[in-house]
Amino acid sequence: MPSNALTQHTIDATLHMLKSGNESVASPNEGASVIDNWIKVLQDSKPGSNVLDQLMQLRSLLQMPDPDTDQVKQLLDNLADHTTQMAQSSEGPWINELEQIVVALRNFSNQL
């Protein structure tokens, strides 16, 4: 099970990247790094199992020289939906932050 510090760091990095509105902050490489951390956080989480497949697909897209914007947008929207479900079924200190990530994912997706 990942540490609370890794989980908090991953949440903070995600919110910073998605809320900044600065394209250079949300580079594909940085996005892939944040996704790697989420994979570590969620790999043993039953509620997170739905998200893992979406994250791996998004990571693969971000590693392409010219990722398909429509596919990225669709995956971000799917991740927002799954994160909403996780926040609703979870107990713990990060529910509010998960809800913030949902809003940030949807806003970022709408900007693409």
C-alpha atoms as a PDB file:
ATOM      1  CA  MET A   1       0.000   0.000   0.000  1.00  0.00           C
ATOM      2  CA  PRO A   2       1.427   3.395  -0.927  1.00  0.00           C
ATOM      3  CA  SER A   3       2.179   5.895   1.763  1.00  0.00           C
ATOM      4  CA  ASN A   4      -0.070   8.769   2.679  1.00  0.00           C
ATOM      5  CA  ALA A   5       2.812  11.054   1.687  1.00  0.00           C
ATOM      6  CA  LEU A   6       2.847   9.614  -1.863  1.00  0.00           C
ATOM      7  CA  THR A   7      -0.911   9.965  -2.110  1.00  0.00           C
ATOM      8  CA  GLN A   8      -0.825  13.579  -0.906  1.00  0.00           C
ATOM      9  CA  HIS A   9       2.106  14.415  -3.206  1.00  0.00           C
ATOM     10  CA  THR A  10       0.251  12.902  -6.170  1.00  0.00           C
ATOM     11  CA  ILE A  11      -2.940  14.804  -5.372  1.00  0.00           C
ATOM     12  CA  ASP A  12      -1.000  18.071  -4.997  1.00  0.00           C
ATOM     13  CA  ALA A  13       0.915  17.526  -8.259  1.00  0.00           C
ATOM     14  CA  THR A  14      -2.297  16.712 -10.122  1.00  0.00           C
ATOM     15  CA  LEU A  15      -4.135  19.758  -8.845  1.00  0.00           C
ATOM     16  CA  HIS A  16      -1.175  22.017  -9.608  1.00  0.00           C
ATOM     17  CA  MET A  17      -0.805  20.669 -13.123  1.00  0.00           C
ATOM     18  CA  LEU A  18      -4.501  20.804 -13.998  1.00  0.00           C
ATOM     19  CA  LYS A  19      -5.364  24.111 -12.334  1.00  0.00           C
ATOM     20  CA  SER A  20      -2.407  26.144 -13.496  1.00  0.00           C
ATOM     21  CA  GLY A  21      -3.868  26.869 -16.922  1.00  0.00           C
ATOM     22  CA  ASN A  22      -0.298  27.052 -18.190  1.00  0.00           C
ATOM     23  CA  GLU A  23       0.341  24.595 -21.026  1.00  0.00           C
ATOM     24  CA  SER A  24       4.035  24.294 -20.186  1.00  0.00           C
ATOM     25  CA  VAL A  25       3.140  23.003 -16.716  1.00  0.00           C
ATOM     26  CA  ALA A  26       0.825  20.358 -18.167  1.00  0.00           C
ATOM     27  CA  SER A  27       3.381  18.924 -20.592  1.00  0.00           C
ATOM     28  CA  PRO A  28       2.934  15.320 -21.742  1.00  0.00           C
ATOM     29  CA  ASN A  29       6.075  14.276 -19.836  1.00  0.00           C
ATOM     30  CA  GLU A  30       4.851  15.823 -16.609  1.00  0.00           C
ATOM     31  CA  GLY A  31       1.431  14.294 -17.172  1.00  0.00           C
ATOM     32  CA  ALA A  32       3.030  10.863 -17.628  1.00  0.00           C
ATOM     33  CA  SER A  33       4.978  11.324 -14.390  1.00  0.00           C
ATOM     34  CA  VAL A  34       1.817  12.206 -12.454  1.00  0.00           C
ATOM     35  CA  ILE A  35       0.057   9.206 -14.026  1.00  0.00           C
ATOM     36  CA  ASP A  36       2.905   6.927 -12.893  1.00  0.00           C
ATOM     37  CA  ASN A  37       2.391   8.152  -9.334  1.00  0.00           C
ATOM     38  CA  TRP A  38      -1.377   7.558  -9.563  1.00  0.00           C
ATOM     39  CA  ILE A  39      -0.726   4.022 -10.781  1.00  0.00           C
ATOM     40  CA  LYS A  40       1.419   3.431  -7.670  1.00  0.00           C
ATOM     41  CA  VAL A  41      -1.276   4.906  -5.427  1.00  0.00           C
ATOM     42  CA  LEU A  42      -4.157   2.951  -6.990  1.00  0.00           C
ATOM     43  CA  GLN A  43      -2.576  -0.386  -7.872  1.00  0.00           C
ATOM     44  CA  ASP A  44      -3.848  -2.086  -4.712  1.00  0.00           C
ATOM     45  CA  SER A  45      -7.054  -0.092  -4.385  1.00  0.00           C
ATOM     46  CA  LYS A  46     -10.250  -1.919  -5.270  1.00  0.00           C
ATOM     47  CA  PRO A  47     -12.165   1.333  -5.976  1.00  0.00           C
ATOM     48  CA  GLY A  48      -9.239   2.499  -8.117  1.00  0.00           C
ATOM     49  CA  SER A  49      -9.215  -0.521 -10.406  1.00  0.00           C
ATOM     50  CA  ASN A  50     -11.592   1.158 -12.881  1.00  0.00           C
ATOM     51  CA  VAL A  51      -9.243   4.116 -13.121  1.00  0.00           C
ATOM     52  CA  LEU A  52      -6.040   2.155 -13.742  1.00  0.00           C
ATOM     53  CA  ASP A  53      -6.963   1.100 -17.282  1.00  0.00           C
ATOM     54  CA  GLN A  54      -7.894   4.676 -18.193  1.00  0.00           C
ATOM     55  CA  LEU A  55      -4.642   5.986 -16.714  1.00  0.00           C
ATOM     56  CA  MET A  56      -2.551   3.494 -18.655  1.00  0.00           C
ATOM     57  CA  GLN A  57      -4.317   4.420 -21.890  1.00  0.00           C
ATOM     58  CA  LEU A  58      -3.787   8.125 -21.211  1.00  0.00           C
ATOM     59  CA  ARG A  59      -0.128   7.544 -20.392  1.00  0.00           C
ATOM     60  CA  SER A  60       0.350   5.693 -23.694  1.00  0.00           C
ATOM     61  CA  LEU A  61      -1.293   8.540 -25.584  1.00  0.00           C
ATOM     62  CA  LEU A  62       0.874  11.145 -23.881  1.00  0.00           C
ATOM     63  CA  GLN A  63       3.999   9.269 -24.921  1.00  0.00           C
ATOM     64  CA  MET A  64       3.080   9.611 -28.604  1.00  0.00           C
ATOM     65  CA  PRO A  65       4.719  12.431 -30.590  1.00  0.00           C
ATOM     66  CA  ASP A  66       1.318  13.927 -31.488  1.00  0.00           C
ATOM     67  CA  PRO A  67      -1.409  12.613 -29.144  1.00  0.00           C
ATOM     68  CA  ASP A  68      -4.966  12.584 -30.491  1.00  0.00           C
ATOM     69  CA  THR A  69      -6.697  15.448 -28.677  1.00  0.00           C
ATOM     70  CA  ASP A  70     -10.146  13.841 -28.931  1.00  0.00           C
ATOM     71  CA  GLN A  71      -8.885  10.630 -27.327  1.00  0.00           C
ATOM     72  CA  VAL A  72      -7.115  12.566 -24.569  1.00  0.00           C
ATOM     73  CA  LYS A  73     -10.288  14.558 -23.952  1.00  0.00           C
ATOM     74  CA  GLN A  74     -12.407  11.393 -23.788  1.00  0.00           C
ATOM     75  CA  LEU A  75     -10.000   9.728 -21.351  1.00  0.00           C
ATOM     76  CA  LEU A  76      -9.927  12.827 -19.135  1.00  0.00           C
ATOM     77  CA  ASP A  77     -13.733  12.862 -19.058  1.00  0.00           C
ATOM     78  CA  ASN A  78     -13.807   9.134 -18.242  1.00  0.00           C
ATOM     79  CA  LEU A  79     -11.254   9.670 -15.477  1.00  0.00           C
ATOM     80  CA  ALA A  80     -13.404  12.462 -14.063  1.00  0.00           C
ATOM     81  CA  ASP A  81     -16.423  10.118 -14.042  1.00  0.00           C
ATOM     82  CA  HIS A  82     -14.479   7.320 -12.328  1.00  0.00           C
ATOM     83  CA  THR A  83     -12.925   9.733  -9.834  1.00  0.00           C
ATOM     84  CA  THR A  84     -16.413  10.993  -8.956  1.00  0.00           C
ATOM     85  CA  GLN A  85     -17.465   7.406  -8.253  1.00  0.00           C
ATOM     86  CA  MET A  86     -14.350   6.850  -6.132  1.00  0.00           C
ATOM     87  CA  ALA A  87     -14.962  10.014  -4.118  1.00  0.00           C
ATOM     88  CA  GLN A  88     -18.579   9.022  -3.483  1.00  0.00           C
ATOM     89  CA  SER A  89     -17.653   5.525  -2.330  1.00  0.00           C
ATOM     90  CA  SER A  90     -14.513   6.433  -0.381  1.00  0.00           C
ATOM     91  CA  GLU A  91     -13.902   7.328   3.186  1.00  0.00           C
ATOM     92  CA  GLY A  92     -10.855   9.239   4.205  1.00  0.00           C
ATOM     93  CA  PRO A  93      -9.026  12.491   4.205  1.00  0.00           C
ATOM     94  CA  TRP A  94      -8.888  13.016   0.423  1.00  0.00           C
ATOM     95  CA  ILE A  95     -12.554  13.097  -0.602  1.00  0.00           C
ATOM     96  CA  ASN A  96     -12.600  16.891  -0.963  1.00  0.00           C
ATOM     97  CA  GLU A  97      -9.371  16.830  -2.966  1.00  0.00           C
ATOM     98  CA  LEU A  98     -10.714  14.078  -5.238  1.00  0.00           C
ATOM     99  CA  GLU A  99     -13.726  16.292  -5.917  1.00  0.00           C
ATOM    100  CA  GLN A 100     -11.344  19.155  -6.766  1.00  0.00           C
ATOM    101  CA  ILE A 101      -9.508  16.843  -9.172  1.00  0.00           C
ATOM    102  CA  VAL A 102     -12.814  16.004 -10.881  1.00  0.00           C
ATOM    103  CA  VAL A 103     -13.517  19.689 -11.472  1.00  0.00           C
ATOM    104  CA  ALA A 104      -9.951  20.276 -12.664  1.00  0.00           C
ATOM    105  CA  LEU A 105     -10.082  17.266 -15.039  1.00  0.00           C
ATOM    106  CA  ARG A 106     -13.320  18.498 -16.578  1.00  0.00           C
ATOM    107  CA  ASN A 107     -12.004  22.062 -16.928  1.00  0.00           C
ATOM    108  CA  PHE A 108      -8.754  20.867 -18.461  1.00  0.00           C
ATOM    109  CA  SER A 109     -10.625  18.583 -20.856  1.00  0.00           C
ATOM    110  CA  ASN A 110     -12.868  21.471 -21.924  1.00  0.00           C
ATOM    111  CA  GLN A 111      -9.792  23.577 -22.719  1.00  0.00           C
ATOM    112  CA  LEU A 112      -8.428  21.007 -25.203  1.00  0.00           C
END
